[in-house]
N, C-alpha and C. Protein backbone atom coordinates (compact mmCIF):
# COMPACT_ATOMS: atom_id res chain seq x y z
N MET A 1 86.14 96.13 91.35
CA MET A 1 87.10 95.87 90.27
C MET A 1 88.26 96.86 90.38
N ILE A 2 89.49 96.33 90.35
CA ILE A 2 90.68 97.17 90.47
C ILE A 2 91.38 97.25 89.12
N GLY A 3 91.75 98.45 88.73
CA GLY A 3 92.48 98.67 87.49
C GLY A 3 93.98 98.78 87.75
N ILE A 4 94.76 98.14 86.90
CA ILE A 4 96.22 98.22 86.95
C ILE A 4 96.67 99.02 85.73
N ILE A 5 97.33 100.13 85.98
CA ILE A 5 97.65 101.07 84.90
C ILE A 5 98.81 100.55 84.06
N ASP A 6 98.55 100.41 82.78
CA ASP A 6 99.56 99.94 81.82
C ASP A 6 100.14 101.14 81.08
N TYR A 7 101.39 101.47 81.37
CA TYR A 7 102.05 102.57 80.67
C TYR A 7 103.38 102.11 80.08
N GLY A 8 103.51 100.79 79.93
CA GLY A 8 104.69 100.23 79.28
C GLY A 8 105.83 99.90 80.21
N MET A 9 105.65 100.10 81.52
CA MET A 9 106.69 99.77 82.50
C MET A 9 106.03 99.15 83.72
N GLY A 10 106.65 98.12 84.26
CA GLY A 10 106.13 97.59 85.51
C GLY A 10 105.81 96.11 85.43
N ASN A 11 105.73 95.50 86.60
CA ASN A 11 105.42 94.08 86.72
C ASN A 11 103.90 93.89 86.79
N LEU A 12 103.25 94.21 85.69
CA LEU A 12 101.80 94.26 85.66
C LEU A 12 101.16 92.92 85.97
N PHE A 13 101.66 91.87 85.34
CA PHE A 13 100.99 90.58 85.44
C PHE A 13 101.21 89.94 86.81
N SER A 14 102.35 90.19 87.46
CA SER A 14 102.55 89.63 88.79
C SER A 14 101.61 90.30 89.80
N VAL A 15 101.33 91.59 89.62
CA VAL A 15 100.36 92.26 90.48
C VAL A 15 98.96 91.72 90.22
N GLU A 16 98.62 91.54 88.95
CA GLU A 16 97.31 90.99 88.60
C GLU A 16 97.13 89.59 89.19
N LYS A 17 98.16 88.76 89.10
CA LYS A 17 98.08 87.39 89.64
C LYS A 17 97.92 87.41 91.15
N ALA A 18 98.62 88.34 91.82
CA ALA A 18 98.49 88.44 93.27
C ALA A 18 97.06 88.80 93.66
N LEU A 19 96.44 89.71 92.92
CA LEU A 19 95.05 90.07 93.20
C LEU A 19 94.12 88.90 92.93
N GLU A 20 94.41 88.14 91.90
CA GLU A 20 93.59 86.96 91.60
C GLU A 20 93.66 85.96 92.75
N ARG A 21 94.86 85.80 93.35
CA ARG A 21 95.00 84.88 94.48
C ARG A 21 94.17 85.34 95.67
N LEU A 22 93.92 86.63 95.76
CA LEU A 22 93.08 87.17 96.83
C LEU A 22 91.60 87.11 96.48
N GLY A 23 91.30 86.64 95.28
CA GLY A 23 89.91 86.57 94.85
C GLY A 23 89.35 87.90 94.42
N VAL A 24 90.22 88.81 94.01
CA VAL A 24 89.82 90.16 93.62
C VAL A 24 89.87 90.30 92.11
N GLU A 25 88.80 90.82 91.54
CA GLU A 25 88.78 91.05 90.10
C GLU A 25 89.67 92.24 89.75
N ALA A 26 90.47 92.07 88.71
CA ALA A 26 91.38 93.14 88.29
C ALA A 26 91.56 93.09 86.79
N PHE A 27 91.95 94.21 86.22
CA PHE A 27 92.24 94.28 84.79
C PHE A 27 93.44 95.20 84.57
N ILE A 28 94.14 94.97 83.48
CA ILE A 28 95.28 95.79 83.06
C ILE A 28 94.86 96.60 81.84
N SER A 29 95.08 97.90 81.88
CA SER A 29 94.62 98.73 80.76
C SER A 29 95.34 100.07 80.74
N ASP A 30 95.38 100.67 79.54
CA ASP A 30 95.81 102.07 79.41
C ASP A 30 94.64 102.94 78.93
N ASP A 31 93.45 102.35 78.89
CA ASP A 31 92.27 103.07 78.44
C ASP A 31 91.74 103.97 79.56
N HIS A 32 91.73 105.27 79.32
CA HIS A 32 91.38 106.23 80.36
C HIS A 32 89.98 105.99 80.92
N GLU A 33 89.03 105.79 80.06
CA GLU A 33 87.64 105.67 80.52
C GLU A 33 87.46 104.40 81.35
N ARG A 34 88.06 103.32 80.90
CA ARG A 34 87.93 102.08 81.67
C ARG A 34 88.60 102.21 83.04
N LEU A 35 89.77 102.84 83.08
CA LEU A 35 90.47 103.03 84.35
C LEU A 35 89.67 103.93 85.29
N ARG A 36 89.02 104.94 84.75
CA ARG A 36 88.21 105.84 85.59
C ARG A 36 87.06 105.10 86.29
N GLN A 37 86.57 104.05 85.67
CA GLN A 37 85.44 103.31 86.23
C GLN A 37 85.85 102.34 87.33
N ALA A 38 87.14 102.10 87.51
CA ALA A 38 87.62 101.14 88.50
C ALA A 38 87.32 101.62 89.92
N ASP A 39 87.15 100.67 90.84
CA ASP A 39 86.91 101.00 92.25
C ASP A 39 88.20 101.40 92.95
N GLY A 40 89.32 101.02 92.39
CA GLY A 40 90.64 101.40 92.89
C GLY A 40 91.64 101.24 91.77
N LEU A 41 92.72 102.00 91.82
CA LEU A 41 93.76 101.90 90.79
C LEU A 41 95.11 101.59 91.42
N ILE A 42 95.91 100.80 90.70
CA ILE A 42 97.27 100.50 91.11
C ILE A 42 98.22 100.94 90.00
N LEU A 43 99.27 101.66 90.39
CA LEU A 43 100.33 102.09 89.48
C LEU A 43 101.60 101.34 89.84
N PRO A 44 101.90 100.23 89.13
CA PRO A 44 103.16 99.52 89.39
C PRO A 44 104.31 100.26 88.71
N GLY A 45 105.51 99.76 88.89
CA GLY A 45 106.62 100.38 88.19
C GLY A 45 107.94 99.70 88.46
N VAL A 46 108.69 99.47 87.39
CA VAL A 46 110.05 98.97 87.48
C VAL A 46 110.85 99.71 86.42
N GLY A 47 111.99 100.30 86.81
CA GLY A 47 112.80 101.02 85.83
C GLY A 47 113.13 102.42 86.30
N ALA A 48 113.35 103.31 85.34
CA ALA A 48 113.82 104.66 85.64
C ALA A 48 112.65 105.64 85.76
N PHE A 49 112.77 106.55 86.71
CA PHE A 49 111.73 107.54 87.01
C PHE A 49 111.41 108.39 85.78
N LYS A 50 112.44 108.93 85.12
CA LYS A 50 112.21 109.82 83.96
C LYS A 50 111.49 109.09 82.84
N ASP A 51 111.91 107.87 82.54
CA ASP A 51 111.25 107.09 81.49
C ASP A 51 109.78 106.88 81.81
N ALA A 52 109.50 106.59 83.08
CA ALA A 52 108.12 106.35 83.49
C ALA A 52 107.27 107.61 83.34
N MET A 53 107.79 108.75 83.80
CA MET A 53 107.02 109.98 83.69
C MET A 53 106.82 110.38 82.23
N ASP A 54 107.84 110.16 81.40
CA ASP A 54 107.70 110.46 79.97
C ASP A 54 106.55 109.66 79.36
N LEU A 55 106.45 108.39 79.73
CA LEU A 55 105.40 107.54 79.19
C LEU A 55 104.02 107.92 79.74
N LEU A 56 103.96 108.22 81.03
CA LEU A 56 102.67 108.65 81.60
C LEU A 56 102.18 109.92 80.92
N ASN A 57 103.09 110.85 80.67
CA ASN A 57 102.71 112.09 79.99
C ASN A 57 102.32 111.82 78.53
N GLU A 58 103.08 110.97 77.87
CA GLU A 58 102.81 110.66 76.46
C GLU A 58 101.43 110.03 76.28
N TYR A 59 101.04 109.15 77.20
CA TYR A 59 99.76 108.47 77.11
C TYR A 59 98.61 109.27 77.72
N GLY A 60 98.91 110.46 78.21
CA GLY A 60 97.88 111.29 78.82
C GLY A 60 97.40 110.77 80.17
N LEU A 61 98.18 109.86 80.77
CA LEU A 61 97.75 109.23 82.00
C LEU A 61 97.99 110.10 83.22
N THR A 62 98.88 111.07 83.13
CA THR A 62 99.15 111.95 84.27
C THR A 62 97.87 112.69 84.68
N LYS A 63 97.20 113.29 83.73
CA LYS A 63 95.95 114.01 84.05
C LYS A 63 94.87 113.04 84.51
N MET A 64 94.79 111.89 83.87
CA MET A 64 93.79 110.90 84.27
C MET A 64 93.99 110.50 85.73
N ILE A 65 95.25 110.30 86.15
CA ILE A 65 95.55 109.92 87.52
C ILE A 65 95.13 111.02 88.49
N HIS A 66 95.45 112.27 88.17
CA HIS A 66 95.05 113.38 89.03
C HIS A 66 93.53 113.48 89.14
N ASP A 67 92.85 113.32 88.03
CA ASP A 67 91.39 113.37 88.05
C ASP A 67 90.82 112.24 88.89
N TYR A 68 91.42 111.06 88.77
CA TYR A 68 90.94 109.89 89.51
C TYR A 68 91.10 110.11 91.01
N VAL A 69 92.27 110.58 91.41
CA VAL A 69 92.53 110.81 92.84
C VAL A 69 91.53 111.80 93.41
N GLN A 70 91.14 112.79 92.62
CA GLN A 70 90.18 113.79 93.08
C GLN A 70 88.80 113.19 93.39
N THR A 71 88.50 112.03 92.83
CA THR A 71 87.22 111.39 93.11
C THR A 71 87.17 110.81 94.53
N GLY A 72 88.33 110.65 95.16
CA GLY A 72 88.39 110.06 96.49
C GLY A 72 88.52 108.56 96.51
N LYS A 73 88.56 107.93 95.33
CA LYS A 73 88.72 106.47 95.30
C LYS A 73 90.18 106.09 95.57
N PRO A 74 90.43 104.90 96.11
CA PRO A 74 91.78 104.50 96.52
C PRO A 74 92.75 104.37 95.34
N PHE A 75 93.97 104.83 95.58
CA PHE A 75 95.03 104.78 94.56
C PHE A 75 96.30 104.29 95.24
N LEU A 76 96.98 103.33 94.61
CA LEU A 76 98.18 102.72 95.19
C LEU A 76 99.32 102.69 94.18
N GLY A 77 100.49 103.21 94.57
CA GLY A 77 101.70 103.09 93.77
C GLY A 77 102.61 102.03 94.38
N ILE A 78 103.21 101.20 93.54
CA ILE A 78 104.08 100.12 94.00
C ILE A 78 105.47 100.30 93.41
N CYS A 79 106.50 100.22 94.27
CA CYS A 79 107.92 100.32 93.90
C CYS A 79 108.17 101.66 93.18
N LEU A 80 108.59 101.65 91.92
CA LEU A 80 108.75 102.91 91.19
C LEU A 80 107.43 103.68 91.17
N GLY A 81 106.33 102.96 91.12
CA GLY A 81 105.02 103.61 91.14
C GLY A 81 104.80 104.44 92.39
N MET A 82 105.37 104.01 93.53
CA MET A 82 105.30 104.82 94.74
C MET A 82 106.13 106.08 94.59
N GLN A 83 107.33 105.95 94.05
CA GLN A 83 108.20 107.12 93.88
C GLN A 83 107.57 108.16 92.96
N LEU A 84 106.84 107.70 91.97
CA LEU A 84 106.20 108.62 91.03
C LEU A 84 105.13 109.49 91.69
N LEU A 85 104.64 109.06 92.85
CA LEU A 85 103.63 109.85 93.56
C LEU A 85 104.18 111.17 94.08
N PHE A 86 105.50 111.27 94.19
CA PHE A 86 106.12 112.43 94.82
C PHE A 86 106.48 113.51 93.81
N GLU A 87 107.07 114.59 94.30
CA GLU A 87 107.23 115.80 93.48
C GLU A 87 108.33 115.71 92.44
N SER A 88 109.42 115.04 92.76
CA SER A 88 110.53 115.01 91.81
C SER A 88 111.50 113.88 92.15
N SER A 89 112.37 113.59 91.19
CA SER A 89 113.44 112.61 91.39
C SER A 89 114.72 113.15 90.77
N GLU A 90 115.85 112.82 91.41
CA GLU A 90 117.15 113.22 90.87
C GLU A 90 117.73 112.17 89.93
N GLU A 91 116.99 111.08 89.70
CA GLU A 91 117.48 110.01 88.84
C GLU A 91 117.58 110.50 87.39
N ASN A 92 118.75 110.37 86.79
CA ASN A 92 119.00 110.79 85.40
C ASN A 92 118.64 112.26 85.18
N GLY A 93 118.98 113.10 86.16
CA GLY A 93 118.63 114.50 86.08
C GLY A 93 117.30 114.75 86.75
N LEU A 94 117.08 115.97 87.19
CA LEU A 94 115.86 116.30 87.92
C LEU A 94 114.63 116.13 87.02
N THR A 95 113.67 115.35 87.51
CA THR A 95 112.43 115.09 86.77
C THR A 95 111.25 115.29 87.69
N ASN A 96 110.25 116.02 87.22
CA ASN A 96 109.03 116.22 88.01
C ASN A 96 108.20 114.95 88.04
N GLY A 97 107.61 114.68 89.22
CA GLY A 97 106.73 113.53 89.37
C GLY A 97 105.27 113.94 89.35
N LEU A 98 104.41 113.09 89.90
CA LEU A 98 102.97 113.36 89.90
C LEU A 98 102.57 114.39 90.95
N SER A 99 103.42 114.62 91.94
CA SER A 99 103.17 115.63 92.99
C SER A 99 101.88 115.38 93.75
N LEU A 100 101.55 114.12 93.97
CA LEU A 100 100.39 113.78 94.79
C LEU A 100 100.76 113.76 96.27
N LEU A 101 102.05 113.59 96.56
CA LEU A 101 102.56 113.61 97.92
C LEU A 101 103.80 114.50 97.96
N PRO A 102 104.09 115.14 99.11
CA PRO A 102 105.23 116.05 99.20
C PRO A 102 106.54 115.33 99.48
N GLY A 103 107.55 115.61 98.66
CA GLY A 103 108.86 115.01 98.87
C GLY A 103 109.56 114.75 97.56
N LYS A 104 110.79 114.29 97.68
CA LYS A 104 111.60 114.04 96.48
C LYS A 104 112.26 112.67 96.59
N VAL A 105 112.72 112.17 95.45
CA VAL A 105 113.34 110.86 95.37
C VAL A 105 114.84 111.06 95.16
N ILE A 106 115.65 110.48 96.04
CA ILE A 106 117.11 110.64 95.96
C ILE A 106 117.78 109.26 95.98
N ARG A 107 119.06 109.24 95.60
CA ARG A 107 119.79 107.97 95.52
C ARG A 107 120.46 107.65 96.84
N PHE A 108 120.48 106.36 97.17
CA PHE A 108 121.30 105.93 98.30
C PHE A 108 122.75 106.35 98.02
N SER A 109 123.40 106.87 99.02
CA SER A 109 124.77 107.37 98.81
C SER A 109 125.76 106.24 98.58
N GLY A 110 125.50 105.07 99.17
CA GLY A 110 126.44 103.96 99.05
C GLY A 110 127.60 104.04 100.03
N VAL A 111 127.60 105.09 100.88
CA VAL A 111 128.64 105.26 101.88
C VAL A 111 127.97 105.59 103.21
N ASP A 112 128.27 104.81 104.26
CA ASP A 112 127.61 105.02 105.54
C ASP A 112 128.29 106.12 106.35
N ARG A 113 127.80 106.35 107.56
CA ARG A 113 128.30 107.44 108.40
C ARG A 113 129.75 107.25 108.81
N LYS A 114 130.25 106.02 108.75
CA LYS A 114 131.64 105.74 109.09
C LYS A 114 132.55 105.81 107.87
N GLY A 115 131.95 106.16 106.72
CA GLY A 115 132.74 106.23 105.50
C GLY A 115 132.94 104.90 104.81
N GLU A 116 132.20 103.89 105.27
CA GLU A 116 132.32 102.56 104.67
C GLU A 116 131.25 102.36 103.61
N SER A 117 131.61 101.65 102.56
CA SER A 117 130.69 101.43 101.45
C SER A 117 129.64 100.38 101.80
N TYR A 118 128.44 100.55 101.28
CA TYR A 118 127.42 99.52 101.38
C TYR A 118 126.78 99.34 100.00
N LYS A 119 126.12 98.20 99.84
CA LYS A 119 125.63 97.81 98.52
C LYS A 119 124.43 98.63 98.08
N VAL A 120 124.47 99.11 96.88
CA VAL A 120 123.34 99.74 96.20
C VAL A 120 123.16 99.00 94.88
N PRO A 121 121.97 98.48 94.59
CA PRO A 121 120.67 98.78 95.20
C PRO A 121 120.43 98.09 96.53
N HIS A 122 119.43 98.59 97.24
CA HIS A 122 118.86 97.94 98.41
C HIS A 122 118.03 96.78 97.88
N MET A 123 118.55 95.57 98.04
CA MET A 123 117.89 94.41 97.44
C MET A 123 117.78 93.29 98.46
N GLY A 124 116.58 92.80 98.64
CA GLY A 124 116.35 91.68 99.54
C GLY A 124 115.31 92.01 100.59
N TRP A 125 115.27 91.16 101.62
CA TRP A 125 114.26 91.26 102.67
C TRP A 125 114.71 92.23 103.75
N ASN A 126 113.80 93.09 104.19
CA ASN A 126 114.07 94.04 105.26
C ASN A 126 112.79 94.21 106.08
N LYS A 127 112.97 94.52 107.35
CA LYS A 127 111.83 94.57 108.26
C LYS A 127 111.23 95.97 108.31
N LEU A 128 109.90 96.03 108.33
CA LEU A 128 109.19 97.29 108.45
C LEU A 128 109.04 97.70 109.91
N ARG A 129 109.02 99.00 110.13
CA ARG A 129 108.65 99.59 111.42
C ARG A 129 107.48 100.53 111.18
N PHE A 130 106.37 100.29 111.85
CA PHE A 130 105.18 101.10 111.64
C PHE A 130 105.29 102.42 112.39
N ASP A 131 105.00 103.52 111.72
CA ASP A 131 105.07 104.85 112.31
C ASP A 131 103.71 105.41 112.66
N GLN A 132 102.68 105.02 111.93
CA GLN A 132 101.36 105.59 112.13
C GLN A 132 100.28 104.53 111.90
N ASP A 133 99.11 104.77 112.50
CA ASP A 133 97.97 103.92 112.19
C ASP A 133 97.47 104.24 110.79
N SER A 134 97.03 103.22 110.10
CA SER A 134 96.48 103.40 108.77
C SER A 134 95.61 102.20 108.44
N PRO A 135 94.53 102.39 107.68
CA PRO A 135 93.74 101.24 107.24
C PRO A 135 94.56 100.26 106.41
N LEU A 136 95.63 100.75 105.79
CA LEU A 136 96.48 99.86 104.99
C LEU A 136 97.25 98.88 105.87
N LEU A 137 97.47 99.23 107.14
CA LEU A 137 98.28 98.41 108.04
C LEU A 137 97.44 97.63 109.05
N GLN A 138 96.13 97.70 108.94
CA GLN A 138 95.26 97.02 109.89
C GLN A 138 95.48 95.51 109.88
N GLY A 139 95.60 94.92 111.08
CA GLY A 139 95.70 93.48 111.20
C GLY A 139 97.02 92.91 110.74
N VAL A 140 98.04 93.77 110.59
CA VAL A 140 99.35 93.34 110.09
C VAL A 140 100.40 93.62 111.16
N ASP A 141 101.24 92.64 111.44
CA ASP A 141 102.36 92.83 112.36
C ASP A 141 103.60 93.28 111.58
N GLU A 142 104.48 93.98 112.28
CA GLU A 142 105.74 94.38 111.66
C GLU A 142 106.51 93.13 111.24
N ASP A 143 106.88 93.07 109.98
CA ASP A 143 107.54 91.87 109.46
C ASP A 143 108.39 92.26 108.26
N TYR A 144 108.96 91.25 107.60
CA TYR A 144 109.89 91.49 106.49
C TYR A 144 109.15 91.52 105.15
N VAL A 145 109.63 92.40 104.27
CA VAL A 145 109.11 92.51 102.91
C VAL A 145 110.30 92.61 101.95
N TYR A 146 110.01 92.48 100.67
CA TYR A 146 111.09 92.36 99.68
C TYR A 146 111.28 93.66 98.88
N PHE A 147 112.48 94.22 98.98
CA PHE A 147 112.83 95.47 98.31
C PHE A 147 113.79 95.24 97.15
N VAL A 148 113.66 96.08 96.12
CA VAL A 148 114.68 96.21 95.07
C VAL A 148 114.64 97.66 94.59
N HIS A 149 115.58 98.50 95.06
CA HIS A 149 115.59 99.89 94.60
C HIS A 149 116.91 100.56 94.95
N SER A 150 117.31 101.49 94.07
CA SER A 150 118.54 102.27 94.27
C SER A 150 118.25 103.68 94.73
N PHE A 151 117.00 104.12 94.58
CA PHE A 151 116.56 105.46 94.99
C PHE A 151 115.48 105.31 96.05
N TYR A 152 115.36 106.31 96.91
CA TYR A 152 114.36 106.24 97.98
C TYR A 152 113.72 107.61 98.17
N VAL A 153 112.58 107.62 98.83
CA VAL A 153 111.81 108.84 99.02
C VAL A 153 112.28 109.59 100.27
N ASP A 154 112.59 110.85 100.08
CA ASP A 154 112.85 111.78 101.18
C ASP A 154 111.59 112.65 101.30
N ALA A 155 110.71 112.25 102.24
CA ALA A 155 109.40 112.92 102.35
C ALA A 155 109.55 114.25 103.07
N ASP A 156 108.92 115.29 102.55
CA ASP A 156 108.96 116.61 103.17
C ASP A 156 108.07 116.69 104.40
N GLN A 157 107.08 115.83 104.49
CA GLN A 157 106.18 115.83 105.64
C GLN A 157 106.16 114.42 106.23
N SER A 158 106.56 114.30 107.49
CA SER A 158 106.67 112.98 108.10
C SER A 158 105.32 112.29 108.23
N ASP A 159 104.22 113.06 108.21
CA ASP A 159 102.92 112.44 108.40
C ASP A 159 102.46 111.61 107.21
N VAL A 160 103.17 111.68 106.08
CA VAL A 160 102.80 110.82 104.95
C VAL A 160 103.50 109.47 105.03
N VAL A 161 104.48 109.32 105.93
CA VAL A 161 105.22 108.07 106.07
C VAL A 161 104.51 107.19 107.10
N LEU A 162 103.98 106.06 106.63
CA LEU A 162 103.23 105.15 107.49
C LEU A 162 104.11 104.05 108.07
N ALA A 163 105.14 103.65 107.33
CA ALA A 163 106.06 102.61 107.79
C ALA A 163 107.42 102.83 107.15
N GLU A 164 108.47 102.45 107.88
CA GLU A 164 109.83 102.63 107.39
C GLU A 164 110.61 101.32 107.50
N ALA A 165 111.70 101.25 106.75
CA ALA A 165 112.72 100.23 106.92
C ALA A 165 114.05 100.98 107.01
N ASN A 166 115.04 100.35 107.57
CA ASN A 166 116.35 101.00 107.68
C ASN A 166 117.35 100.33 106.75
N TYR A 167 118.00 101.17 105.93
CA TYR A 167 119.09 100.70 105.08
C TYR A 167 120.14 101.82 105.07
N ASP A 168 120.88 101.89 106.15
CA ASP A 168 121.78 102.99 106.48
C ASP A 168 120.99 104.25 106.83
N VAL A 169 119.99 104.58 106.04
CA VAL A 169 119.06 105.67 106.35
C VAL A 169 117.67 105.07 106.53
N ASN A 170 116.77 105.85 107.14
CA ASN A 170 115.39 105.40 107.23
C ASN A 170 114.71 105.56 105.87
N VAL A 171 114.15 104.48 105.40
CA VAL A 171 113.54 104.43 104.08
C VAL A 171 112.02 104.44 104.23
N ALA A 172 111.35 105.39 103.59
CA ALA A 172 109.89 105.39 103.56
C ALA A 172 109.43 104.17 102.77
N ALA A 173 108.82 103.22 103.48
CA ALA A 173 108.44 101.95 102.86
C ALA A 173 106.96 101.88 102.52
N VAL A 174 106.13 102.48 103.38
CA VAL A 174 104.70 102.60 103.11
C VAL A 174 104.32 104.06 103.35
N VAL A 175 103.66 104.67 102.39
CA VAL A 175 103.26 106.07 102.51
C VAL A 175 101.77 106.18 102.26
N GLY A 176 101.20 107.28 102.72
CA GLY A 176 99.79 107.47 102.48
C GLY A 176 99.29 108.80 102.98
N LYS A 177 98.35 109.34 102.25
CA LYS A 177 97.64 110.55 102.65
C LYS A 177 96.27 110.50 102.00
N GLU A 178 95.23 110.58 102.86
CA GLU A 178 93.86 110.46 102.37
C GLU A 178 93.72 109.19 101.55
N ASN A 179 93.41 109.28 100.26
CA ASN A 179 93.15 108.08 99.47
C ASN A 179 94.34 107.65 98.61
N VAL A 180 95.50 108.28 98.79
CA VAL A 180 96.69 107.95 98.01
C VAL A 180 97.68 107.17 98.88
N PHE A 181 98.09 105.99 98.41
CA PHE A 181 98.99 105.13 99.15
C PHE A 181 100.15 104.68 98.27
N GLY A 182 101.24 104.27 98.91
CA GLY A 182 102.37 103.73 98.16
C GLY A 182 103.13 102.71 98.98
N MET A 183 103.73 101.75 98.28
CA MET A 183 104.62 100.75 98.90
C MET A 183 105.90 100.71 98.09
N GLN A 184 107.04 100.95 98.75
CA GLN A 184 108.32 100.94 98.05
C GLN A 184 108.74 99.53 97.67
N PHE A 185 108.38 98.56 98.47
CA PHE A 185 108.72 97.16 98.22
C PHE A 185 107.69 96.54 97.27
N HIS A 186 107.91 95.28 96.96
CA HIS A 186 106.98 94.54 96.09
C HIS A 186 106.06 93.69 96.97
N PRO A 187 104.83 94.11 97.21
CA PRO A 187 103.94 93.29 98.06
C PRO A 187 103.66 91.92 97.45
N GLU A 188 103.61 91.86 96.13
CA GLU A 188 103.29 90.59 95.47
C GLU A 188 104.44 89.58 95.60
N LYS A 189 105.62 90.04 96.03
CA LYS A 189 106.77 89.16 96.24
C LYS A 189 107.11 89.03 97.72
N SER A 190 106.26 89.57 98.60
CA SER A 190 106.58 89.68 100.02
C SER A 190 105.77 88.73 100.90
N SER A 191 105.50 87.55 100.37
CA SER A 191 104.89 86.47 101.14
C SER A 191 103.59 86.91 101.81
N VAL A 192 103.34 86.39 103.01
CA VAL A 192 102.07 86.59 103.69
C VAL A 192 101.82 88.06 103.99
N MET A 193 102.86 88.76 104.45
CA MET A 193 102.66 90.16 104.82
C MET A 193 102.29 91.00 103.61
N GLY A 194 102.99 90.81 102.51
CA GLY A 194 102.70 91.57 101.31
C GLY A 194 101.28 91.34 100.82
N MET A 195 100.84 90.10 100.89
CA MET A 195 99.48 89.79 100.44
C MET A 195 98.45 90.42 101.37
N GLN A 196 98.75 90.48 102.68
CA GLN A 196 97.80 91.10 103.60
C GLN A 196 97.69 92.60 103.34
N LEU A 197 98.81 93.24 103.02
CA LEU A 197 98.78 94.66 102.70
C LEU A 197 97.95 94.92 101.43
N LEU A 198 98.13 94.06 100.43
CA LEU A 198 97.31 94.18 99.23
C LEU A 198 95.84 93.95 99.55
N ARG A 199 95.58 92.97 100.41
CA ARG A 199 94.20 92.68 100.80
C ARG A 199 93.56 93.90 101.46
N ASN A 200 94.33 94.57 102.32
CA ASN A 200 93.81 95.76 102.99
C ASN A 200 93.47 96.86 101.99
N PHE A 201 94.30 97.00 100.97
CA PHE A 201 93.99 97.99 99.93
C PHE A 201 92.70 97.62 99.22
N THR A 202 92.54 96.36 98.91
CA THR A 202 91.32 95.96 98.20
C THR A 202 90.08 96.15 99.09
N LYS A 203 90.24 96.00 100.41
CA LYS A 203 89.10 96.22 101.30
C LYS A 203 88.64 97.68 101.25
N LEU A 204 89.58 98.58 101.08
CA LEU A 204 89.21 99.99 100.96
C LEU A 204 88.38 100.23 99.70
N THR A 205 88.69 99.52 98.64
CA THR A 205 87.91 99.69 97.41
C THR A 205 86.52 99.08 97.59
N GLU A 206 86.43 98.01 98.34
CA GLU A 206 85.13 97.37 98.57
C GLU A 206 84.22 98.25 99.40
N LYS A 207 84.80 99.00 100.34
CA LYS A 207 84.00 99.87 101.18
C LYS A 207 83.48 101.07 100.42
N GLY A 208 84.11 101.36 99.25
CA GLY A 208 83.69 102.51 98.47
C GLY A 208 83.88 103.80 99.24
N SER A 209 84.94 103.86 100.03
CA SER A 209 85.15 105.00 100.92
C SER A 209 85.59 106.24 100.17
N THR A 210 85.19 107.38 100.68
CA THR A 210 85.71 108.64 100.17
C THR A 210 86.96 109.01 100.93
N ALA A 211 87.70 109.96 100.43
CA ALA A 211 88.96 110.35 101.06
C ALA A 211 88.76 110.76 102.51
N ASP A 212 87.67 111.45 102.83
CA ASP A 212 87.45 111.94 104.19
C ASP A 212 87.22 110.81 105.19
N GLU A 213 86.86 109.61 104.70
CA GLU A 213 86.54 108.51 105.60
C GLU A 213 87.73 107.60 105.89
N PHE A 214 88.85 107.77 105.17
CA PHE A 214 89.92 106.80 105.25
C PHE A 214 90.50 106.66 106.65
N TYR A 215 90.77 107.75 107.32
CA TYR A 215 91.41 107.64 108.61
C TYR A 215 90.41 107.32 109.71
N ASN A 216 89.13 107.56 109.48
CA ASN A 216 88.11 107.06 110.39
C ASN A 216 88.08 105.53 110.36
N LEU A 217 88.28 104.95 109.19
CA LEU A 217 88.31 103.50 109.06
C LEU A 217 89.42 102.89 109.90
N SER A 218 90.57 103.55 109.97
CA SER A 218 91.70 103.00 110.70
C SER A 218 91.46 102.97 112.20
N ARG A 219 90.48 103.72 112.68
CA ARG A 219 90.22 103.76 114.12
C ARG A 219 89.04 102.88 114.51
N ASN A 220 88.38 102.26 113.52
CA ASN A 220 87.22 101.42 113.84
C ASN A 220 87.63 99.99 114.16
C-alpha cells in the first residue's frame, strides 16, 4: 500500500489514479500514523516552494517524513515534491527544504549563453538522458517525459542525479540516494515511460527493501 501525502498542494488524485491503473493500492492522507504504515510514500507538489514548506511544517509532516525515510522504506517526490527533497530554494526568498538530498533549487535564467531569451517555465515534452544505474530506471529506455517548472535543482553531489534533460542547462530530472527518489517531471502525465517509472517505484515497495539493498537491486 502506497501513501500519497496530502498537505494541501499537489495533483494528488492524478497520482492516485495512475497508481490505480498500475493495479497498486494507494491512499491520500495527512494522518501521520496512517502514512507511517505505508509501504512507500509519495510527495506530489504543484505551486511555490515556500508555501509547500510552510504547510508541511504547519501539519507536522516535515518530522514525519524524516522519520519515515529513516525506516529505509521507499520515498518519492514528484515535481515540486522533488524540489522539496533538497536543502533550499531561492523561490520567493531563500527557504529551507527537507534536506534529504544535497543541493539547492534555482530559477531558470531565461537567457542562454548567447544572450538570447528562452521561455520560462520549461513546459512540455523533453528527452531524458540516463546518468547512472538505478532500480528506478530498470527496463526503461531513454525517452520523452512531460515537464512544467520554472525552477530546477542544482545538485551539490552529481551522484544523486540519475537522469537529466537539457533546457539550456542540464536539468536534474530523476534523482535518488538510498531509499529517497525524485522526479522533476510528471510521471502520471508522461505516457508509457512515466507509468513504467512509477511501476518501478512500486516494485521497490513490494520488495520491502531496506535502504542498504536498493543499489544491489539495480545490479540484479
